[in-house]
Amino acid sequence: MIDQNESFLSDLESYSALMFNRHEIAVIMEVDPDALSDLLTDKQSPAYKAFQRGRLKREAELRKGIFDLAQNGSSPAQTMAIKLIENAKADDL
């Protein structure tokens, strides 16, 4: 059993933000990969939430960069921003 203490959750969020997969994170954190995988499939567990938070925060940073570049005139970023907007609108329906 993995102790989901504050330090563990913080490290888990940091490594997930770096887009390491579950197995790689288990190796880095020196925990059983199967035990970590079990924690990360339980959507109510603090570990699942920390893992998702890390991934989503990194994605948010990248999206912000895309929108900043789009506003500054980058044509590829504008195309990507339009796709992100369309996907968000489609999801809202």
PDB file of N, CA and C in Angstrom:
ATOM      1  N   MET A   1       0.844  -1.192   0.000  1.00  0.00           N
ATOM      2  CA  MET A   1       0.000   0.000   0.000  1.00  0.00           C
ATOM      3  C   MET A   1       0.880   1.242   0.000  1.00  0.00           C
ATOM      4  N   ILE A   2       0.488   2.204  -0.789  1.00  0.00           N
ATOM      5  CA  ILE A   2       1.263   3.443  -0.914  1.00  0.00           C
ATOM      6  C   ILE A   2       0.671   4.509   0.008  1.00  0.00           C
ATOM      7  N   ASP A   3       1.538   5.145   0.785  1.00  0.00           N
ATOM      8  CA  ASP A   3       1.124   6.239   1.661  1.00  0.00           C
ATOM      9  C   ASP A   3       0.939   7.497   0.812  1.00  0.00           C
ATOM     10  N   GLN A   4      -0.292   7.959   0.728  1.00  0.00           N
ATOM     11  CA  GLN A   4      -0.603   9.138  -0.086  1.00  0.00           C
ATOM     12  C   GLN A   4      -0.433  10.417   0.741  1.00  0.00           C
ATOM     13  N   ASN A   5       0.765  10.608   1.275  1.00  0.00           N
ATOM     14  CA  ASN A   5       1.016  11.808   2.072  1.00  0.00           C
ATOM     15  C   ASN A   5       1.244  13.021   1.158  1.00  0.00           C
ATOM     16  N   GLU A   6       1.368  14.170   1.761  1.00  0.00           N
ATOM     17  CA  GLU A   6       1.503  15.420   1.006  1.00  0.00           C
ATOM     18  C   GLU A   6       2.711  15.421   0.074  1.00  0.00           C
ATOM     19  N   SER A   7       3.816  14.903   0.552  1.00  0.00           N
ATOM     20  CA  SER A   7       5.036  14.850  -0.253  1.00  0.00           C
ATOM     21  C   SER A   7       4.847  13.941  -1.466  1.00  0.00           C
ATOM     22  N   PHE A   8       4.236  12.783  -1.255  1.00  0.00           N
ATOM     23  CA  PHE A   8       3.973  11.848  -2.349  1.00  0.00           C
ATOM     24  C   PHE A   8       3.088  12.497  -3.403  1.00  0.00           C
ATOM     25  N   LEU A   9       2.010  13.133  -2.966  1.00  0.00           N
ATOM     26  CA  LEU A   9       1.067  13.750  -3.904  1.00  0.00           C
ATOM     27  C   LEU A   9       1.710  14.906  -4.667  1.00  0.00           C
ATOM     28  N   SER A  10       2.541  15.670  -4.002  1.00  0.00           N
ATOM     29  CA  SER A  10       3.233  16.777  -4.645  1.00  0.00           C
ATOM     30  C   SER A  10       4.195  16.272  -5.721  1.00  0.00           C
ATOM     31  N   ASP A  11       4.961  15.230  -5.376  1.00  0.00           N
ATOM     32  CA  ASP A  11       5.892  14.643  -6.347  1.00  0.00           C
ATOM     33  C   ASP A  11       5.125  14.036  -7.522  1.00  0.00           C
ATOM     34  N   LEU A  12       4.042  13.345  -7.228  1.00  0.00           N
ATOM     35  CA  LEU A  12       3.228  12.732  -8.269  1.00  0.00           C
ATOM     36  C   LEU A  12       2.701  13.796  -9.236  1.00  0.00           C
ATOM     37  N   GLU A  13       2.221  14.891  -8.707  1.00  0.00           N
ATOM     38  CA  GLU A  13       1.727  15.985  -9.559  1.00  0.00           C
ATOM     39  C   GLU A  13       2.851  16.552 -10.416  1.00  0.00           C
ATOM     40  N   SER A  14       4.016  16.729  -9.837  1.00  0.00           N
ATOM     41  CA  SER A  14       5.158  17.283 -10.573  1.00  0.00           C
ATOM     42  C   SER A  14       5.591  16.367 -11.710  1.00  0.00           C
ATOM     43  N   TYR A  15       5.700  15.078 -11.430  1.00  0.00           N
ATOM     44  CA  TYR A  15       6.137  14.144 -12.470  1.00  0.00           C
ATOM     45  C   TYR A  15       5.076  13.968 -13.552  1.00  0.00           C
ATOM     46  N   SER A  16       3.814  13.991 -13.170  1.00  0.00           N
ATOM     47  CA  SER A  16       2.770  13.870 -14.193  1.00  0.00           C
ATOM     48  C   SER A  16       2.748  15.108 -15.078  1.00  0.00           C
ATOM     49  N   ALA A  17       3.082  16.268 -14.521  1.00  0.00           N
ATOM     50  CA  ALA A  17       3.148  17.498 -15.315  1.00  0.00           C
ATOM     51  C   ALA A  17       4.279  17.440 -16.339  1.00  0.00           C
ATOM     52  N   LEU A  18       5.269  16.605 -16.072  1.00  0.00           N
ATOM     53  CA  LEU A  18       6.374  16.420 -17.012  1.00  0.00           C
ATOM     54  C   LEU A  18       6.070  15.334 -18.034  1.00  0.00           C
ATOM     55  N   MET A  19       4.840  14.816 -17.982  1.00  0.00           N
ATOM     56  CA  MET A  19       4.313  13.832 -18.926  1.00  0.00           C
ATOM     57  C   MET A  19       5.032  12.483 -18.880  1.00  0.00           C
ATOM     58  N   PHE A  20       5.549  12.128 -17.694  1.00  0.00           N
ATOM     59  CA  PHE A  20       6.006  10.762 -17.510  1.00  0.00           C
ATOM     60  C   PHE A  20       4.777   9.876 -17.434  1.00  0.00           C
ATOM     61  N   ASN A  21       4.878   8.644 -17.939  1.00  0.00           N
ATOM     62  CA  ASN A  21       3.736   7.741 -17.821  1.00  0.00           C
ATOM     63  C   ASN A  21       3.732   7.103 -16.426  1.00  0.00           C
ATOM     64  N   ARG A  22       2.682   6.362 -16.139  1.00  0.00           N
ATOM     65  CA  ARG A  22       2.501   5.783 -14.805  1.00  0.00           C
ATOM     66  C   ARG A  22       3.676   4.898 -14.391  1.00  0.00           C
ATOM     67  N   HIS A  23       4.145   4.070 -15.293  1.00  0.00           N
ATOM     68  CA  HIS A  23       5.240   3.166 -14.964  1.00  0.00           C
ATOM     69  C   HIS A  23       6.523   3.953 -14.675  1.00  0.00           C
ATOM     70  N   GLU A  24       6.802   4.949 -15.488  1.00  0.00           N
ATOM     71  CA  GLU A  24       8.005   5.764 -15.274  1.00  0.00           C
ATOM     72  C   GLU A  24       7.939   6.485 -13.931  1.00  0.00           C
ATOM     73  N   ILE A  25       6.762   7.004 -13.597  1.00  0.00           N
ATOM     74  CA  ILE A  25       6.608   7.687 -12.305  1.00  0.00           C
ATOM     75  C   ILE A  25       6.844   6.707 -11.160  1.00  0.00           C
ATOM     76  N   ALA A  26       6.327   5.492 -11.296  1.00  0.00           N
ATOM     77  CA  ALA A  26       6.535   4.481 -10.255  1.00  0.00           C
ATOM     78  C   ALA A  26       8.021   4.194 -10.061  1.00  0.00           C
ATOM     79  N   VAL A  27       8.757   4.097 -11.166  1.00  0.00           N
ATOM     80  CA  VAL A  27      10.195   3.847 -11.071  1.00  0.00           C
ATOM     81  C   VAL A  27      10.889   5.019 -10.379  1.00  0.00           C
ATOM     82  N   ILE A  28      10.572   6.237 -10.808  1.00  0.00           N
ATOM     83  CA  ILE A  28      11.194   7.431 -10.220  1.00  0.00           C
ATOM     84  C   ILE A  28      10.897   7.517  -8.725  1.00  0.00           C
ATOM     85  N   MET A  29       9.641   7.231  -8.355  1.00  0.00           N
ATOM     86  CA  MET A  29       9.218   7.392  -6.966  1.00  0.00           C
ATOM     87  C   MET A  29       9.477   6.141  -6.124  1.00  0.00           C
ATOM     88  N   GLU A  30      10.012   5.099  -6.778  1.00  0.00           N
ATOM     89  CA  GLU A  30      10.356   3.857  -6.093  1.00  0.00           C
ATOM     90  C   GLU A  30       9.150   3.232  -5.390  1.00  0.00           C
ATOM     91  N   VAL A  31       8.044   3.121  -6.143  1.00  0.00           N
ATOM     92  CA  VAL A  31       6.849   2.447  -5.644  1.00  0.00           C
ATOM     93  C   VAL A  31       6.469   1.347  -6.625  1.00  0.00           C
ATOM     94  N   ASP A  32       5.667   0.427  -6.165  1.00  0.00           N
ATOM     95  CA  ASP A  32       5.214  -0.670  -7.008  1.00  0.00           C
ATOM     96  C   ASP A  32       4.341  -0.128  -8.142  1.00  0.00           C
ATOM     97  N   PRO A  33       4.704  -0.410  -9.391  1.00  0.00           N
ATOM     98  CA  PRO A  33       3.922   0.102 -10.527  1.00  0.00           C
ATOM     99  C   PRO A  33       2.460  -0.331 -10.504  1.00  0.00           C
ATOM    100  N   ASP A  34       2.195  -1.562 -10.083  1.00  0.00           N
ATOM    101  CA  ASP A  34       0.812  -2.035 -10.027  1.00  0.00           C
ATOM    102  C   ASP A  34       0.016  -1.304  -8.949  1.00  0.00           C
ATOM    103  N   ALA A  35       0.654  -1.057  -7.810  1.00  0.00           N
ATOM    104  CA  ALA A  35      -0.023  -0.330  -6.731  1.00  0.00           C
ATOM    105  C   ALA A  35      -0.328   1.107  -7.162  1.00  0.00           C
ATOM    106  N   LEU A  36       0.623   1.739  -7.853  1.00  0.00           N
ATOM    107  CA  LEU A  36       0.386   3.097  -8.338  1.00  0.00           C
ATOM    108  C   LEU A  36      -0.726   3.097  -9.378  1.00  0.00           C
ATOM    109  N   SER A  37      -0.692   2.146 -10.269  1.00  0.00           N
ATOM    110  CA  SER A  37      -1.727   2.050 -11.297  1.00  0.00           C
ATOM    111  C   SER A  37      -3.107   1.884 -10.668  1.00  0.00           C
ATOM    112  N   ASP A  38      -3.189   1.069  -9.621  1.00  0.00           N
ATOM    113  CA  ASP A  38      -4.462   0.898  -8.920  1.00  0.00           C
ATOM    114  C   ASP A  38      -4.950   2.216  -8.331  1.00  0.00           C
ATOM    115  N   LEU A  39      -4.032   2.971  -7.725  1.00  0.00           N
ATOM    116  CA  LEU A  39      -4.408   4.274  -7.162  1.00  0.00           C
ATOM    117  C   LEU A  39      -4.910   5.224  -8.241  1.00  0.00           C
ATOM    118  N   LEU A  40      -4.266   5.173  -9.399  1.00  0.00           N
ATOM    119  CA  LEU A  40      -4.584   6.130 -10.461  1.00  0.00           C
ATOM    120  C   LEU A  40      -5.816   5.748 -11.263  1.00  0.00           C
ATOM    121  N   THR A  41      -6.379   4.584 -11.011  1.00  0.00           N
ATOM    122  CA  THR A  41      -7.637   4.232 -11.669  1.00  0.00           C
ATOM    123  C   THR A  41      -8.840   4.539 -10.784  1.00  0.00           C
ATOM    124  N   ASP A  42      -8.584   4.823  -9.501  1.00  0.00           N
ATOM    125  CA  ASP A  42      -9.649   5.196  -8.566  1.00  0.00           C
ATOM    126  C   ASP A  42      -9.852   6.710  -8.626  1.00  0.00           C
ATOM    127  N   LYS A  43     -10.889   7.143  -9.327  1.00  0.00           N
ATOM    128  CA  LYS A  43     -11.109   8.569  -9.565  1.00  0.00           C
ATOM    129  C   LYS A  43     -11.389   9.372  -8.301  1.00  0.00           C
ATOM    130  N   GLN A  44     -11.591   8.699  -7.192  1.00  0.00           N
ATOM    131  CA  GLN A  44     -11.818   9.391  -5.923  1.00  0.00           C
ATOM    132  C   GLN A  44     -10.544   9.527  -5.090  1.00  0.00           C
ATOM    133  N   SER A  45      -9.481   8.865  -5.502  1.00  0.00           N
ATOM    134  CA  SER A  45      -8.262   8.881  -4.693  1.00  0.00           C
ATOM    135  C   SER A  45      -7.518  10.205  -4.850  1.00  0.00           C
ATOM    136  N   PRO A  46      -6.864  10.642  -3.780  1.00  0.00           N
ATOM    137  CA  PRO A  46      -6.033  11.847  -3.867  1.00  0.00           C
ATOM    138  C   PRO A  46      -4.932  11.709  -4.930  1.00  0.00           C
ATOM    139  N   ALA A  47      -4.417  10.489  -5.120  1.00  0.00           N
ATOM    140  CA  ALA A  47      -3.361  10.275  -6.115  1.00  0.00           C
ATOM    141  C   ALA A  47      -3.897  10.527  -7.525  1.00  0.00           C
ATOM    142  N   TYR A  48      -5.068  10.016  -7.833  1.00  0.00           N
ATOM    143  CA  TYR A  48      -5.676  10.243  -9.144  1.00  0.00           C
ATOM    144  C   TYR A  48      -5.829  11.741  -9.395  1.00  0.00           C
ATOM    145  N   LYS A  49      -6.317  12.444  -8.392  1.00  0.00           N
ATOM    146  CA  LYS A  49      -6.544  13.885  -8.532  1.00  0.00           C
ATOM    147  C   LYS A  49      -5.230  14.633  -8.723  1.00  0.00           C
ATOM    148  N   ALA A  50      -4.190  14.244  -8.005  1.00  0.00           N
ATOM    149  CA  ALA A  50      -2.878  14.895  -8.156  1.00  0.00           C
ATOM    150  C   ALA A  50      -2.306  14.625  -9.543  1.00  0.00           C
ATOM    151  N   PHE A  51      -2.442  13.389 -10.015  1.00  0.00           N
ATOM    152  CA  PHE A  51      -1.954  13.014 -11.338  1.00  0.00           C
ATOM    153  C   PHE A  51      -2.654  13.837 -12.420  1.00  0.00           C
ATOM    154  N   GLN A  52      -3.962  13.897 -12.353  1.00  0.00           N
ATOM    155  CA  GLN A  52      -4.728  14.651 -13.347  1.00  0.00           C
ATOM    156  C   GLN A  52      -4.436  16.156 -13.251  1.00  0.00           C
ATOM    157  N   ARG A  53      -4.304  16.665 -12.030  1.00  0.00           N
ATOM    158  CA  ARG A  53      -4.009  18.082 -11.840  1.00  0.00           C
ATOM    159  C   ARG A  53      -2.685  18.443 -12.503  1.00  0.00           C
ATOM    160  N   GLY A  54      -1.680  17.604 -12.341  1.00  0.00           N
ATOM    161  CA  GLY A  54      -0.384  17.859 -12.965  1.00  0.00           C
ATOM    162  C   GLY A  54      -0.486  17.902 -14.473  1.00  0.00           C
ATOM    163  N   ARG A  55      -1.180  16.923 -15.049  1.00  0.00           N
ATOM    164  CA  ARG A  55      -1.342  16.877 -16.505  1.00  0.00           C
ATOM    165  C   ARG A  55      -2.119  18.091 -17.020  1.00  0.00           C
ATOM    166  N   LEU A  56      -3.218  18.412 -16.335  1.00  0.00           N
ATOM    167  CA  LEU A  56      -4.067  19.507 -16.806  1.00  0.00           C
ATOM    168  C   LEU A  56      -3.408  20.876 -16.633  1.00  0.00           C
ATOM    169  N   LYS A  57      -2.649  21.051 -15.563  1.00  0.00           N
ATOM    170  CA  LYS A  57      -1.936  22.323 -15.384  1.00  0.00           C
ATOM    171  C   LYS A  57      -0.907  22.534 -16.501  1.00  0.00           C
ATOM    172  N   ARG A  58      -0.199  21.461 -16.863  1.00  0.00           N
ATOM    173  CA  ARG A  58       0.782  21.568 -17.956  1.00  0.00           C
ATOM    174  C   ARG A  58       0.063  21.883 -19.266  1.00  0.00           C
ATOM    175  N   GLU A  59      -1.045  21.208 -19.520  1.00  0.00           N
ATOM    176  CA  GLU A  59      -1.810  21.475 -20.738  1.00  0.00           C
ATOM    177  C   GLU A  59      -2.306  22.921 -20.748  1.00  0.00           C
ATOM    178  N   ALA A  60      -2.725  23.430 -19.594  1.00  0.00           N
ATOM    179  CA  ALA A  60      -3.188  24.809 -19.509  1.00  0.00           C
ATOM    180  C   ALA A  60      -2.066  25.792 -19.856  1.00  0.00           C
ATOM    181  N   GLU A  61      -0.857  25.497 -19.364  1.00  0.00           N
ATOM    182  CA  GLU A  61       0.286  26.362 -19.688  1.00  0.00           C
ATOM    183  C   GLU A  61       0.539  26.383 -21.195  1.00  0.00           C
ATOM    184  N   LEU A  62       0.481  25.210 -21.814  1.00  0.00           N
ATOM    185  CA  LEU A  62       0.707  25.132 -23.261  1.00  0.00           C
ATOM    186  C   LEU A  62      -0.395  25.851 -24.036  1.00  0.00           C
ATOM    187  N   ARG A  63      -1.621  25.665 -23.602  1.00  0.00           N
ATOM    188  CA  ARG A  63      -2.726  26.357 -24.280  1.00  0.00           C
ATOM    189  C   ARG A  63      -2.588  27.872 -24.154  1.00  0.00           C
ATOM    190  N   LYS A  64      -2.171  28.329 -22.974  1.00  0.00           N
ATOM    191  CA  LYS A  64      -1.974  29.770 -22.794  1.00  0.00           C
ATOM    192  C   LYS A  64      -0.927  30.273 -23.775  1.00  0.00           C
ATOM    193  N   GLY A  65       0.151  29.502 -23.937  1.00  0.00           N
ATOM    194  CA  GLY A  65       1.188  29.882 -24.888  1.00  0.00           C
ATOM    195  C   GLY A  65       0.657  29.953 -26.313  1.00  0.00           C
ATOM    196  N   ILE A  66      -0.185  28.992 -26.670  1.00  0.00           N
ATOM    197  CA  ILE A  66      -0.785  29.000 -28.009  1.00  0.00           C
ATOM    198  C   ILE A  66      -1.622  30.260 -28.211  1.00  0.00           C
ATOM    199  N   PHE A  67      -2.461  30.584 -27.234  1.00  0.00           N
ATOM    200  CA  PHE A  67      -3.312  31.774 -27.372  1.00  0.00           C
ATOM    201  C   PHE A  67      -2.489  33.059 -27.377  1.00  0.00           C
ATOM    202  N   ASP A  68      -1.422  33.101 -26.576  1.00  0.00           N
ATOM    203  CA  ASP A  68      -0.547  34.282 -26.588  1.00  0.00           C
ATOM    204  C   ASP A  68       0.105  34.457 -27.960  1.00  0.00           C
ATOM    205  N   LEU A  69       0.625  33.365 -28.510  1.00  0.00           N
ATOM    206  CA  LEU A  69       1.237  33.437 -29.842  1.00  0.00           C
ATOM    207  C   LEU A  69       0.206  33.801 -30.905  1.00  0.00           C
ATOM    208  N   ALA A  70      -0.990  33.251 -30.786  1.00  0.00           N
ATOM    209  CA  ALA A  70      -2.052  33.553 -31.759  1.00  0.00           C
ATOM    210  C   ALA A  70      -2.391  35.043 -31.738  1.00  0.00           C
ATOM    211  N   GLN A  71      -2.491  35.610 -30.548  1.00  0.00           N
ATOM    212  CA  GLN A  71      -2.800  37.039 -30.447  1.00  0.00           C
ATOM    213  C   GLN A  71      -1.675  37.905 -31.002  1.00  0.00           C
ATOM    214  N   ASN A  72      -0.468  37.365 -30.997  1.00  0.00           N
ATOM    215  CA  ASN A  72       0.676  38.119 -31.530  1.00  0.00           C
ATOM    216  C   ASN A  72       0.898  37.863 -33.019  1.00  0.00           C
ATOM    217  N   GLY A  73      -0.046  37.145 -33.649  1.00  0.00           N
ATOM    218  CA  GLY A  73      -0.008  37.018 -35.101  1.00  0.00           C
ATOM    219  C   GLY A  73       0.548  35.731 -35.667  1.00  0.00           C
ATOM    220  N   SER A  74       0.847  34.754 -34.851  1.00  0.00           N
ATOM    221  CA  SER A  74       1.376  33.493 -35.366  1.00  0.00           C
ATOM    222  C   SER A  74       0.252  32.716 -36.057  1.00  0.00           C
ATOM    223  N   SER A  75       0.407  32.518 -37.348  1.00  0.00           N
ATOM    224  CA  SER A  75      -0.618  31.812 -38.115  1.00  0.00           C
ATOM    225  C   SER A  75      -0.817  30.367 -37.639  1.00  0.00           C
ATOM    226  N   PRO A  76       0.252  29.590 -37.407  1.00  0.00           N
ATOM    227  CA  PRO A  76       0.041  28.224 -36.899  1.00  0.00           C
ATOM    228  C   PRO A  76      -0.655  28.215 -35.528  1.00  0.00           C
ATOM    229  N   ALA A  77      -0.293  29.157 -34.680  1.00  0.00           N
ATOM    230  CA  ALA A  77      -0.932  29.239 -33.363  1.00  0.00           C
ATOM    231  C   ALA A  77      -2.394  29.657 -33.493  1.00  0.00           C
ATOM    232  N   GLN A  78      -2.693  30.533 -34.453  1.00  0.00           N
ATOM    233  CA  GLN A  78      -4.085  30.926 -34.666  1.00  0.00           C
ATOM    234  C   GLN A  78      -4.911  29.734 -35.116  1.00  0.00           C
ATOM    235  N   THR A  79      -4.356  28.914 -35.995  1.00  0.00           N
ATOM    236  CA  THR A  79      -5.053  27.705 -36.454  1.00  0.00           C
ATOM    237  C   THR A  79      -5.311  26.769 -35.277  1.00  0.00           C
ATOM    238  N   MET A  80      -4.294  26.570 -34.450  1.00  0.00           N
ATOM    239  CA  MET A  80      -4.452  25.697 -33.283  1.00  0.00           C
ATOM    240  C   MET A  80      -5.459  26.285 -32.296  1.00  0.00           C
ATOM    241  N   ALA A  81      -5.420  27.589 -32.089  1.00  0.00           N
ATOM    242  CA  ALA A  81      -6.357  28.237 -31.169  1.00  0.00           C
ATOM    243  C   ALA A  81      -7.796  28.071 -31.650  1.00  0.00           C
ATOM    244  N   ILE A  82      -8.007  28.218 -32.940  1.00  0.00           N
ATOM    245  CA  ILE A  82      -9.353  28.034 -33.497  1.00  0.00           C
ATOM    246  C   ILE A  82      -9.832  26.603 -33.251  1.00  0.00           C
ATOM    247  N   LYS A  83      -8.950  25.626 -33.433  1.00  0.00           N
ATOM    248  CA  LYS A  83      -9.320  24.226 -33.178  1.00  0.00           C
ATOM    249  C   LYS A  83      -9.668  24.010 -31.706  1.00  0.00           C
ATOM    250  N   LEU A  84      -8.890  24.608 -30.816  1.00  0.00           N
ATOM    251  CA  LEU A  84      -9.177  24.481 -29.390  1.00  0.00           C
ATOM    252  C   LEU A  84     -10.531  25.101 -29.053  1.00  0.00           C
ATOM    253  N   ILE A  85     -10.809  26.255 -29.636  1.00  0.00           N
ATOM    254  CA  ILE A  85     -12.093  26.925 -29.405  1.00  0.00           C
ATOM    255  C   ILE A  85     -13.246  26.076 -29.935  1.00  0.00           C
ATOM    256  N   GLU A  86     -13.098  25.557 -31.148  1.00  0.00           N
ATOM    257  CA  GLU A  86     -14.155  24.724 -31.735  1.00  0.00           C
ATOM    258  C   GLU A  86     -14.395  23.467 -30.902  1.00  0.00           C
ATOM    259  N   ASN A  87     -13.326  22.840 -30.435  1.00  0.00           N
ATOM    260  CA  ASN A  87     -13.480  21.645 -29.606  1.00  0.00           C
ATOM    261  C   ASN A  87     -14.184  21.963 -28.284  1.00  0.00           C
ATOM    262  N   ALA A  88     -13.852  23.103 -27.697  1.00  0.00           N
ATOM    263  CA  ALA A  88     -14.491  23.495 -26.442  1.00  0.00           C
ATOM    264  C   ALA A  88     -15.968  23.766 -26.663  1.00  0.00           C
ATOM    265  N   LYS A  89     -16.293  24.427 -27.754  1.00  0.00           N
ATOM    266  CA  LYS A  89     -17.701  24.718 -28.052  1.00  0.00           C
ATOM    267  C   LYS A  89     -18.467  23.437 -28.322  1.00  0.00           C
ATOM    268  N   ALA A  90     -17.872  22.512 -29.059  1.00  0.00           N
ATOM    269  CA  ALA A  90     -18.530  21.245 -29.369  1.00  0.00           C
ATOM    270  C   ALA A  90     -18.779  20.451 -28.089  1.00  0.00           C
ATOM    271  N   ASP A  91     -17.847  20.499 -27.185  1.00  0.00           N
ATOM    272  CA  ASP A  91     -17.979  19.780 -25.918  1.00  0.00           C
ATOM    273  C   ASP A  91     -19.062  20.388 -25.036  1.00  0.00           C
ATOM    274  N   ASP A  92     -19.301  21.693 -25.175  1.00  0.00           N
ATOM    275  CA  ASP A  92     -20.302  22.390 -24.371  1.00  0.00           C
ATOM    276  C   ASP A  92     -21.732  22.094 -24.803  1.00  0.00           C
ATOM    277  N   LEU A  93     -21.886  21.565 -26.021  1.00  0.00           N
ATOM    278  CA  LEU A  93     -23.246  21.309 -26.537  1.00  0.00           C
ATOM    279  C   LEU A  93     -23.903  20.125 -25.880  1.00  0.00           C
TER     280      LEU A  93
END
